[in-house]
Amino acid sequence: MGDESMPECPRLQSCAFFELLMKDQSSLAGLFRQRYCRAKCHECARMIVETAGLPVPEDLFPNQDRKAAEIIGAAVAHARSA
Protein backbone atom coordinates (compact mmCIF):
# COMPACT_ATOMS: atom_id res chain seq x y z
CA MET A 1 0.00 0.00 0.00
CA GLY A 2 1.19 3.52 -0.77
CA ASP A 3 0.95 6.75 1.12
CA GLU A 4 -2.20 7.80 -0.73
CA SER A 5 -4.37 7.02 2.29
CA MET A 6 -2.41 9.32 4.58
CA PRO A 7 -4.05 12.69 5.19
CA GLU A 8 -2.37 15.92 4.22
CA CYS A 9 -0.94 18.02 6.99
CA PRO A 10 -3.50 20.46 8.39
CA ARG A 11 -0.74 23.12 8.42
CA LEU A 12 0.20 22.62 4.76
CA GLN A 13 -0.92 26.08 3.67
CA SER A 14 0.29 28.00 6.72
CA CYS A 15 3.47 26.30 7.91
CA ALA A 16 6.00 28.90 9.03
CA PHE A 17 8.82 26.61 7.90
CA PHE A 18 7.90 27.10 4.26
CA GLU A 19 6.94 30.75 4.63
CA LEU A 20 10.19 31.71 6.39
CA LEU A 21 12.94 29.20 5.64
CA MET A 22 12.00 27.63 2.33
CA LYS A 23 10.66 30.70 0.55
CA ASP A 24 13.43 30.69 -2.08
CA GLN A 25 14.16 26.95 -2.07
CA SER A 26 11.38 25.62 -4.27
CA SER A 27 13.08 22.30 -5.16
CA LEU A 28 13.99 21.43 -1.58
CA ALA A 29 10.66 22.72 -0.31
CA GLY A 30 8.91 20.47 -2.82
CA LEU A 31 10.74 17.43 -1.50
CA PHE A 32 9.84 18.24 2.10
CA ARG A 33 6.21 18.88 1.15
CA GLN A 34 5.94 15.58 -0.71
CA ARG A 35 7.48 13.52 2.09
CA TYR A 36 6.06 15.18 5.20
CA CYS A 37 3.12 17.41 4.26
CA ARG A 38 1.38 15.25 1.72
CA ALA A 39 2.28 11.77 2.92
CA LYS A 40 3.65 11.40 6.45
CA CYS A 41 2.75 14.47 8.47
CA HIS A 42 2.82 12.34 11.64
CA GLU A 43 6.59 11.96 11.09
CA CYS A 44 7.20 15.71 10.72
CA ALA A 45 9.32 17.04 13.59
CA ARG A 46 7.34 20.28 13.56
CA MET A 47 4.04 18.41 13.87
CA ILE A 48 5.45 16.20 16.63
CA VAL A 49 6.43 19.23 18.72
CA GLU A 50 3.12 20.99 18.03
CA THR A 51 1.14 17.87 18.93
CA ALA A 52 3.00 17.79 22.25
CA GLY A 53 1.55 21.24 22.94
CA LEU A 54 4.87 23.04 22.69
CA PRO A 55 5.89 26.06 20.64
CA VAL A 56 7.59 25.04 17.41
CA PRO A 57 10.98 26.67 16.83
CA GLU A 58 11.00 28.56 13.53
CA ASP A 59 14.23 26.84 12.47
CA LEU A 60 13.05 23.27 13.12
CA PHE A 61 13.16 21.25 9.89
CA PRO A 62 10.55 18.52 9.26
CA ASN A 63 13.24 15.83 9.23
CA GLN A 64 14.73 16.78 12.62
CA ASP A 65 12.87 14.18 14.64
CA ARG A 66 15.78 13.80 17.09
CA LYS A 67 15.71 17.51 17.79
CA ALA A 68 11.94 17.28 18.31
CA ALA A 69 12.51 14.51 20.86
CA GLU A 70 15.10 16.68 22.62
CA ILE A 71 12.69 19.63 22.76
CA ILE A 72 9.95 17.45 24.22
CA GLY A 73 12.37 15.78 26.64
CA ALA A 74 13.61 19.16 27.88
CA ALA A 75 10.05 20.37 28.39
CA VAL A 76 9.16 17.23 30.35
CA ALA A 77 12.29 17.56 32.51
CA HIS A 78 11.51 21.22 33.15
CA ALA A 79 7.92 20.40 34.12
CA ARG A 80 9.09 17.71 36.54
CA SER A 81 11.56 20.04 38.24
CA ALA A 82 9.02 22.83 38.63
PDB file of N, CA and C in Angstrom:
ATOM      1  N   MET A   1       0.833  -1.179   0.000  1.00  0.00           N
ATOM      2  CA  MET A   1       0.000   0.000   0.000  1.00  0.00           C
ATOM      3  C   MET A   1       0.876   1.240   0.000  1.00  0.00           C
ATOM      4  N   GLY A   2       0.442   2.271  -0.689  1.00  0.00           N
ATOM      5  CA  GLY A   2       1.189   3.519  -0.765  1.00  0.00           C
ATOM      6  C   GLY A   2       0.771   4.496   0.301  1.00  0.00           C
ATOM      7  N   ASP A   3       1.252   5.706   0.155  1.00  0.00           N
ATOM      8  CA  ASP A   3       0.952   6.753   1.119  1.00  0.00           C
ATOM      9  C   ASP A   3      -0.323   7.508   0.771  1.00  0.00           C
ATOM     10  N   GLU A   4      -1.030   7.073  -0.269  1.00  0.00           N
ATOM     11  CA  GLU A   4      -2.199   7.801  -0.733  1.00  0.00           C
ATOM     12  C   GLU A   4      -3.273   7.934   0.340  1.00  0.00           C
ATOM     13  N   SER A   5      -3.328   6.992   1.273  1.00  0.00           N
ATOM     14  CA  SER A   5      -4.367   7.018   2.294  1.00  0.00           C
ATOM     15  C   SER A   5      -4.039   7.961   3.448  1.00  0.00           C
ATOM     16  N   MET A   6      -2.809   8.436   3.503  1.00  0.00           N
ATOM     17  CA  MET A   6      -2.410   9.324   4.584  1.00  0.00           C
ATOM     18  C   MET A   6      -2.986  10.712   4.330  1.00  0.00           C
ATOM     19  N   PRO A   7      -3.495  11.351   5.368  1.00  0.00           N
ATOM     20  CA  PRO A   7      -4.054  12.688   5.186  1.00  0.00           C
ATOM     21  C   PRO A   7      -2.958  13.730   5.020  1.00  0.00           C
ATOM     22  N   GLU A   8      -3.303  14.806   4.324  1.00  0.00           N
ATOM     23  CA  GLU A   8      -2.374  15.925   4.217  1.00  0.00           C
ATOM     24  C   GLU A   8      -2.260  16.613   5.566  1.00  0.00           C
ATOM     25  N   CYS A   9      -1.157  17.279   5.757  1.00  0.00           N
ATOM     26  CA  CYS A   9      -0.936  18.021   6.994  1.00  0.00           C
ATOM     27  C   CYS A   9      -1.937  19.174   7.085  1.00  0.00           C
ATOM     28  N   PRO A  10      -2.558  19.357   8.237  1.00  0.00           N
ATOM     29  CA  PRO A  10      -3.502  20.465   8.387  1.00  0.00           C
ATOM     30  C   PRO A  10      -2.815  21.827   8.326  1.00  0.00           C
ATOM     31  N   ARG A  11      -1.503  21.862   8.458  1.00  0.00           N
ATOM     32  CA  ARG A  11      -0.744  23.117   8.417  1.00  0.00           C
ATOM     33  C   ARG A  11      -0.098  23.359   7.052  1.00  0.00           C
ATOM     34  N   LEU A  12      -0.440  22.557   6.077  1.00  0.00           N
ATOM     35  CA  LEU A  12       0.200  22.619   4.764  1.00  0.00           C
ATOM     36  C   LEU A  12       0.235  24.037   4.188  1.00  0.00           C
ATOM     37  N   GLN A  13      -0.842  24.749   4.266  1.00  0.00           N
ATOM     38  CA  GLN A  13      -0.917  26.083   3.666  1.00  0.00           C
ATOM     39  C   GLN A  13      -0.344  27.191   4.534  1.00  0.00           C
ATOM     40  N   SER A  14      -0.142  26.924   5.828  1.00  0.00           N
ATOM     41  CA  SER A  14       0.286  28.004   6.721  1.00  0.00           C
ATOM     42  C   SER A  14       1.554  27.707   7.512  1.00  0.00           C
ATOM     43  N   CYS A  15       2.284  26.687   7.155  1.00  0.00           N
ATOM     44  CA  CYS A  15       3.471  26.296   7.908  1.00  0.00           C
ATOM     45  C   CYS A  15       4.547  27.378   7.821  1.00  0.00           C
ATOM     46  N   ALA A  16       4.980  27.852   8.974  1.00  0.00           N
ATOM     47  CA  ALA A  16       6.003  28.898   9.032  1.00  0.00           C
ATOM     48  C   ALA A  16       7.319  28.434   8.422  1.00  0.00           C
ATOM     49  N   PHE A  17       7.589  27.158   8.474  1.00  0.00           N
ATOM     50  CA  PHE A  17       8.821  26.615   7.902  1.00  0.00           C
ATOM     51  C   PHE A  17       8.931  26.981   6.428  1.00  0.00           C
ATOM     52  N   PHE A  18       7.874  26.805   5.688  1.00  0.00           N
ATOM     53  CA  PHE A  18       7.903  27.103   4.259  1.00  0.00           C
ATOM     54  C   PHE A  18       7.823  28.596   3.997  1.00  0.00           C
ATOM     55  N   GLU A  19       7.078  29.307   4.813  1.00  0.00           N
ATOM     56  CA  GLU A  19       6.942  30.747   4.629  1.00  0.00           C
ATOM     57  C   GLU A  19       8.239  31.480   4.952  1.00  0.00           C
ATOM     58  N   LEU A  20       8.986  31.015   5.955  1.00  0.00           N
ATOM     59  CA  LEU A  20      10.194  31.711   6.392  1.00  0.00           C
ATOM     60  C   LEU A  20      11.488  31.113   5.850  1.00  0.00           C
ATOM     61  N   LEU A  21      11.661  29.820   5.976  1.00  0.00           N
ATOM     62  CA  LEU A  21      12.940  29.200   5.639  1.00  0.00           C
ATOM     63  C   LEU A  21      13.045  28.676   4.211  1.00  0.00           C
ATOM     64  N   MET A  22      11.952  28.267   3.640  1.00  0.00           N
ATOM     65  CA  MET A  22      12.002  27.632   2.326  1.00  0.00           C
ATOM     66  C   MET A  22      11.446  28.519   1.216  1.00  0.00           C
ATOM     67  N   LYS A  23      11.271  29.787   1.509  1.00  0.00           N
ATOM     68  CA  LYS A  23      10.662  30.698   0.548  1.00  0.00           C
ATOM     69  C   LYS A  23      11.352  30.668  -0.822  1.00  0.00           C
ATOM     70  N   ASP A  24      12.681  30.648  -0.826  1.00  0.00           N
ATOM     71  CA  ASP A  24      13.427  30.692  -2.081  1.00  0.00           C
ATOM     72  C   ASP A  24      14.038  29.345  -2.463  1.00  0.00           C
ATOM     73  N   GLN A  25      13.598  28.284  -1.841  1.00  0.00           N
ATOM     74  CA  GLN A  25      14.161  26.953  -2.073  1.00  0.00           C
ATOM     75  C   GLN A  25      13.091  26.017  -2.637  1.00  0.00           C
ATOM     76  N   SER A  26      12.534  26.360  -3.761  1.00  0.00           N
ATOM     77  CA  SER A  26      11.378  25.619  -4.270  1.00  0.00           C
ATOM     78  C   SER A  26      11.634  24.124  -4.476  1.00  0.00           C
ATOM     79  N   SER A  27      12.807  23.732  -4.945  1.00  0.00           N
ATOM     80  CA  SER A  27      13.076  22.303  -5.158  1.00  0.00           C
ATOM     81  C   SER A  27      13.130  21.544  -3.843  1.00  0.00           C
ATOM     82  N   LEU A  28      13.886  22.068  -2.894  1.00  0.00           N
ATOM     83  CA  LEU A  28      13.992  21.433  -1.585  1.00  0.00           C
ATOM     84  C   LEU A  28      12.650  21.473  -0.858  1.00  0.00           C
ATOM     85  N   ALA A  29      11.973  22.600  -0.946  1.00  0.00           N
ATOM     86  CA  ALA A  29      10.658  22.720  -0.312  1.00  0.00           C
ATOM     87  C   ALA A  29       9.698  21.687  -0.880  1.00  0.00           C
ATOM     88  N   GLY A  30       9.767  21.463  -2.183  1.00  0.00           N
ATOM     89  CA  GLY A  30       8.906  20.470  -2.817  1.00  0.00           C
ATOM     90  C   GLY A  30       9.155  19.068  -2.286  1.00  0.00           C
ATOM     91  N   LEU A  31      10.413  18.742  -2.051  1.00  0.00           N
ATOM     92  CA  LEU A  31      10.743  17.426  -1.499  1.00  0.00           C
ATOM     93  C   LEU A  31      10.194  17.266  -0.085  1.00  0.00           C
ATOM     94  N   PHE A  32      10.369  18.292   0.740  1.00  0.00           N
ATOM     95  CA  PHE A  32       9.836  18.238   2.105  1.00  0.00           C
ATOM     96  C   PHE A  32       8.312  18.137   2.088  1.00  0.00           C
ATOM     97  N   ARG A  33       7.673  18.920   1.229  1.00  0.00           N
ATOM     98  CA  ARG A  33       6.205  18.875   1.152  1.00  0.00           C
ATOM     99  C   ARG A  33       5.717  17.490   0.748  1.00  0.00           C
ATOM    100  N   GLN A  34       6.366  16.904  -0.240  1.00  0.00           N
ATOM    101  CA  GLN A  34       5.942  15.583  -0.712  1.00  0.00           C
ATOM    102  C   GLN A  34       6.085  14.534   0.385  1.00  0.00           C
ATOM    103  N   ARG A  35       7.208  14.552   1.072  1.00  0.00           N
ATOM    104  CA  ARG A  35       7.476  13.525   2.093  1.00  0.00           C
ATOM    105  C   ARG A  35       6.661  13.733   3.362  1.00  0.00           C
ATOM    106  N   TYR A  36       6.658  14.943   3.884  1.00  0.00           N
ATOM    107  CA  TYR A  36       6.061  15.178   5.197  1.00  0.00           C
ATOM    108  C   TYR A  36       4.656  15.776   5.145  1.00  0.00           C
ATOM    109  N   CYS A  37       4.415  16.709   4.266  1.00  0.00           N
ATOM    110  CA  CYS A  37       3.121  17.411   4.261  1.00  0.00           C
ATOM    111  C   CYS A  37       2.022  16.630   3.553  1.00  0.00           C
ATOM    112  N   ARG A  38       2.396  15.940   2.513  1.00  0.00           N
ATOM    113  CA  ARG A  38       1.381  15.249   1.721  1.00  0.00           C
ATOM    114  C   ARG A  38       1.315  13.757   1.980  1.00  0.00           C
ATOM    115  N   ALA A  39       2.278  13.218   2.727  1.00  0.00           N
ATOM    116  CA  ALA A  39       2.282  11.769   2.922  1.00  0.00           C
ATOM    117  C   ALA A  39       2.407  11.348   4.381  1.00  0.00           C
ATOM    118  N   LYS A  40       3.363  11.901   5.098  1.00  0.00           N
ATOM    119  CA  LYS A  40       3.654  11.403   6.445  1.00  0.00           C
ATOM    120  C   LYS A  40       3.750  12.544   7.453  1.00  0.00           C
ATOM    121  N   CYS A  41       2.688  13.318   7.570  1.00  0.00           N
ATOM    122  CA  CYS A  41       2.751  14.473   8.474  1.00  0.00           C
ATOM    123  C   CYS A  41       2.970  14.050   9.924  1.00  0.00           C
ATOM    124  N   HIS A  42       2.599  12.829  10.277  1.00  0.00           N
ATOM    125  CA  HIS A  42       2.818  12.340  11.642  1.00  0.00           C
ATOM    126  C   HIS A  42       4.297  12.124  11.941  1.00  0.00           C
ATOM    127  N   GLU A  43       5.149  12.104  10.905  1.00  0.00           N
ATOM    128  CA  GLU A  43       6.589  11.965  11.095  1.00  0.00           C
ATOM    129  C   GLU A  43       7.314  13.309  11.070  1.00  0.00           C
ATOM    130  N   CYS A  44       6.612  14.377  10.791  1.00  0.00           N
ATOM    131  CA  CYS A  44       7.205  15.713  10.717  1.00  0.00           C
ATOM    132  C   CYS A  44       7.586  16.185  12.117  1.00  0.00           C
ATOM    133  N   ALA A  45       8.846  16.577  12.288  1.00  0.00           N
ATOM    134  CA  ALA A  45       9.318  17.040  13.593  1.00  0.00           C
ATOM    135  C   ALA A  45       8.509  18.234  14.081  1.00  0.00           C
ATOM    136  N   ARG A  46       8.121  19.097  13.178  1.00  0.00           N
ATOM    137  CA  ARG A  46       7.339  20.282  13.557  1.00  0.00           C
ATOM    138  C   ARG A  46       5.967  19.858  14.098  1.00  0.00           C
ATOM    139  N   MET A  47       5.349  18.901  13.429  1.00  0.00           N
ATOM    140  CA  MET A  47       4.042  18.413  13.870  1.00  0.00           C
ATOM    141  C   MET A  47       4.161  17.672  15.197  1.00  0.00           C
ATOM    142  N   ILE A  48       5.234  16.935  15.381  1.00  0.00           N
ATOM    143  CA  ILE A  48       5.446  16.199  16.630  1.00  0.00           C
ATOM    144  C   ILE A  48       5.531  17.162  17.805  1.00  0.00           C
ATOM    145  N   VAL A  49       6.295  18.238  17.645  1.00  0.00           N
ATOM    146  CA  VAL A  49       6.432  19.233  18.717  1.00  0.00           C
ATOM    147  C   VAL A  49       5.098  19.932  18.959  1.00  0.00           C
ATOM    148  N   GLU A  50       4.421  20.316  17.891  1.00  0.00           N
ATOM    149  CA  GLU A  50       3.124  20.990  18.032  1.00  0.00           C
ATOM    150  C   GLU A  50       2.103  20.086  18.716  1.00  0.00           C
ATOM    151  N   THR A  51       2.074  18.817  18.339  1.00  0.00           N
ATOM    152  CA  THR A  51       1.139  17.868  18.934  1.00  0.00           C
ATOM    153  C   THR A  51       1.395  17.689  20.427  1.00  0.00           C
ATOM    154  N   ALA A  52       2.650  17.873  20.834  1.00  0.00           N
ATOM    155  CA  ALA A  52       3.004  17.785  22.255  1.00  0.00           C
ATOM    156  C   ALA A  52       2.582  19.041  23.016  1.00  0.00           C
ATOM    157  N   GLY A  53       2.022  20.014  22.296  1.00  0.00           N
ATOM    158  CA  GLY A  53       1.550  21.235  22.941  1.00  0.00           C
ATOM    159  C   GLY A  53       2.642  22.255  23.212  1.00  0.00           C
ATOM    160  N   LEU A  54       3.737  22.144  22.483  1.00  0.00           N
ATOM    161  CA  LEU A  54       4.868  23.040  22.691  1.00  0.00           C
ATOM    162  C   LEU A  54       5.021  23.995  21.514  1.00  0.00           C
ATOM    163  N   PRO A  55       5.631  25.149  21.750  1.00  0.00           N
ATOM    164  CA  PRO A  55       5.887  26.062  20.635  1.00  0.00           C
ATOM    165  C   PRO A  55       6.919  25.449  19.689  1.00  0.00           C
ATOM    166  N   VAL A  56       6.697  25.612  18.419  1.00  0.00           N
ATOM    167  CA  VAL A  56       7.586  25.038  17.409  1.00  0.00           C
ATOM    168  C   VAL A  56       8.653  26.075  17.040  1.00  0.00           C
ATOM    169  N   PRO A  57       9.924  25.734  17.226  1.00  0.00           N
ATOM    170  CA  PRO A  57      10.982  26.666  16.827  1.00  0.00           C
ATOM    171  C   PRO A  57      10.911  26.942  15.325  1.00  0.00           C
ATOM    172  N   GLU A  58      11.092  28.199  14.945  1.00  0.00           N
ATOM    173  CA  GLU A  58      11.002  28.556  13.530  1.00  0.00           C
ATOM    174  C   GLU A  58      12.009  27.801  12.676  1.00  0.00           C
ATOM    175  N   ASP A  59      13.170  27.474  13.249  1.00  0.00           N
ATOM    176  CA  ASP A  59      14.228  26.839  12.469  1.00  0.00           C
ATOM    177  C   ASP A  59      14.209  25.310  12.521  1.00  0.00           C
ATOM    178  N   LEU A  60      13.156  24.726  13.049  1.00  0.00           N
ATOM    179  CA  LEU A  60      13.048  23.268  13.117  1.00  0.00           C
ATOM    180  C   LEU A  60      12.624  22.718  11.756  1.00  0.00           C
ATOM    181  N   PHE A  61      13.458  21.857  11.189  1.00  0.00           N
ATOM    182  CA  PHE A  61      13.160  21.245   9.894  1.00  0.00           C
ATOM    183  C   PHE A  61      12.274  20.019  10.106  1.00  0.00           C
ATOM    184  N   PRO A  62      11.443  19.677   9.125  1.00  0.00           N
ATOM    185  CA  PRO A  62      10.550  18.522   9.263  1.00  0.00           C
ATOM    186  C   PRO A  62      11.272  17.206   9.534  1.00  0.00           C
ATOM    187  N   ASN A  63      12.505  17.078   9.070  1.00  0.00           N
ATOM    188  CA  ASN A  63      13.244  15.830   9.226  1.00  0.00           C
ATOM    189  C   ASN A  63      14.076  15.772  10.512  1.00  0.00           C
ATOM    190  N   GLN A  64      13.951  16.746  11.385  1.00  0.00           N
ATOM    191  CA  GLN A  64      14.735  16.778  12.620  1.00  0.00           C
ATOM    192  C   GLN A  64      13.972  16.141  13.782  1.00  0.00           C
ATOM    193  N   ASP A  65      13.637  14.866  13.613  1.00  0.00           N
ATOM    194  CA  ASP A  65      12.870  14.176  14.644  1.00  0.00           C
ATOM    195  C   ASP A  65      13.658  14.019  15.942  1.00  0.00           C
ATOM    196  N   ARG A  66      14.969  13.886  15.854  1.00  0.00           N
ATOM    197  CA  ARG A  66      15.776  13.798  17.086  1.00  0.00           C
ATOM    198  C   ARG A  66      15.729  15.108  17.860  1.00  0.00           C
ATOM    199  N   LYS A  67      15.801  16.210  17.132  1.00  0.00           N
ATOM    200  CA  LYS A  67      15.714  17.514  17.788  1.00  0.00           C
ATOM    201  C   LYS A  67      14.334  17.692  18.423  1.00  0.00           C
ATOM    202  N   ALA A  68      13.296  17.215  17.751  1.00  0.00           N
ATOM    203  CA  ALA A  68      11.944  17.281  18.310  1.00  0.00           C
ATOM    204  C   ALA A  68      11.878  16.499  19.614  1.00  0.00           C
ATOM    205  N   ALA A  69      12.490  15.323  19.635  1.00  0.00           N
ATOM    206  CA  ALA A  69      12.511  14.508  20.855  1.00  0.00           C
ATOM    207  C   ALA A  69      13.265  15.227  21.970  1.00  0.00           C
ATOM    208  N   GLU A  70      14.351  15.918  21.627  1.00  0.00           N
ATOM    209  CA  GLU A  70      15.104  16.683  22.624  1.00  0.00           C
ATOM    210  C   GLU A  70      14.273  17.830  23.185  1.00  0.00           C
ATOM    211  N   ILE A  71      13.545  18.515  22.326  1.00  0.00           N
ATOM    212  CA  ILE A  71      12.694  19.626  22.756  1.00  0.00           C
ATOM    213  C   ILE A  71      11.625  19.121  23.722  1.00  0.00           C
ATOM    214  N   ILE A  72      10.996  18.022  23.365  1.00  0.00           N
ATOM    215  CA  ILE A  72       9.951  17.452  24.218  1.00  0.00           C
ATOM    216  C   ILE A  72      10.556  16.942  25.522  1.00  0.00           C
ATOM    217  N   GLY A  73      11.700  16.275  25.444  1.00  0.00           N
ATOM    218  CA  GLY A  73      12.371  15.778  26.644  1.00  0.00           C
ATOM    219  C   GLY A  73      12.749  16.903  27.589  1.00  0.00           C
ATOM    220  N   ALA A  74      13.245  18.008  27.050  1.00  0.00           N
ATOM    221  CA  ALA A  74      13.613  19.156  27.879  1.00  0.00           C
ATOM    222  C   ALA A  74      12.382  19.759  28.544  1.00  0.00           C
ATOM    223  N   ALA A  75      11.279  19.819  27.817  1.00  0.00           N
ATOM    224  CA  ALA A  75      10.048  20.369  28.387  1.00  0.00           C
ATOM    225  C   ALA A  75       9.523  19.479  29.507  1.00  0.00           C
ATOM    226  N   VAL A  76       9.603  18.176  29.322  1.00  0.00           N
ATOM    227  CA  VAL A  76       9.160  17.233  30.353  1.00  0.00           C
ATOM    228  C   VAL A  76      10.045  17.355  31.587  1.00  0.00           C
ATOM    229  N   ALA A  77      11.357  17.426  31.381  1.00  0.00           N
ATOM    230  CA  ALA A  77      12.288  17.560  32.507  1.00  0.00           C
ATOM    231  C   ALA A  77      12.041  18.861  33.262  1.00  0.00           C
ATOM    232  N   HIS A  78      11.782  19.923  32.523  1.00  0.00           N
ATOM    233  CA  HIS A  78      11.513  21.218  33.154  1.00  0.00           C
ATOM    234  C   HIS A  78      10.222  21.151  33.964  1.00  0.00           C
ATOM    235  N   ALA A  79       9.207  20.516  33.416  1.00  0.00           N
ATOM    236  CA  ALA A  79       7.925  20.397  34.118  1.00  0.00           C
ATOM    237  C   ALA A  79       8.069  19.577  35.395  1.00  0.00           C
ATOM    238  N   ARG A  80       8.888  18.551  35.357  1.00  0.00           N
ATOM    239  CA  ARG A  80       9.093  17.709  36.542  1.00  0.00           C
ATOM    240  C   ARG A  80       9.850  18.442  37.637  1.00  0.00           C
ATOM    241  N   SER A  81      10.759  19.331  37.242  1.00  0.00           N
ATOM    242  CA  SER A  81      11.562  20.042  38.238  1.00  0.00           C
ATOM    243  C   SER A  81      10.847  21.268  38.793  1.00  0.00           C
ATOM    244  N   ALA A  82       9.749  21.635  38.184  1.00  0.00           N
ATOM    245  CA  ALA A  82       9.017  22.830  38.634  1.00  0.00           C
ATOM    246  C   ALA A  82       8.132  22.542  39.829  1.00  0.00           C
TER     247      ALA A  82
END
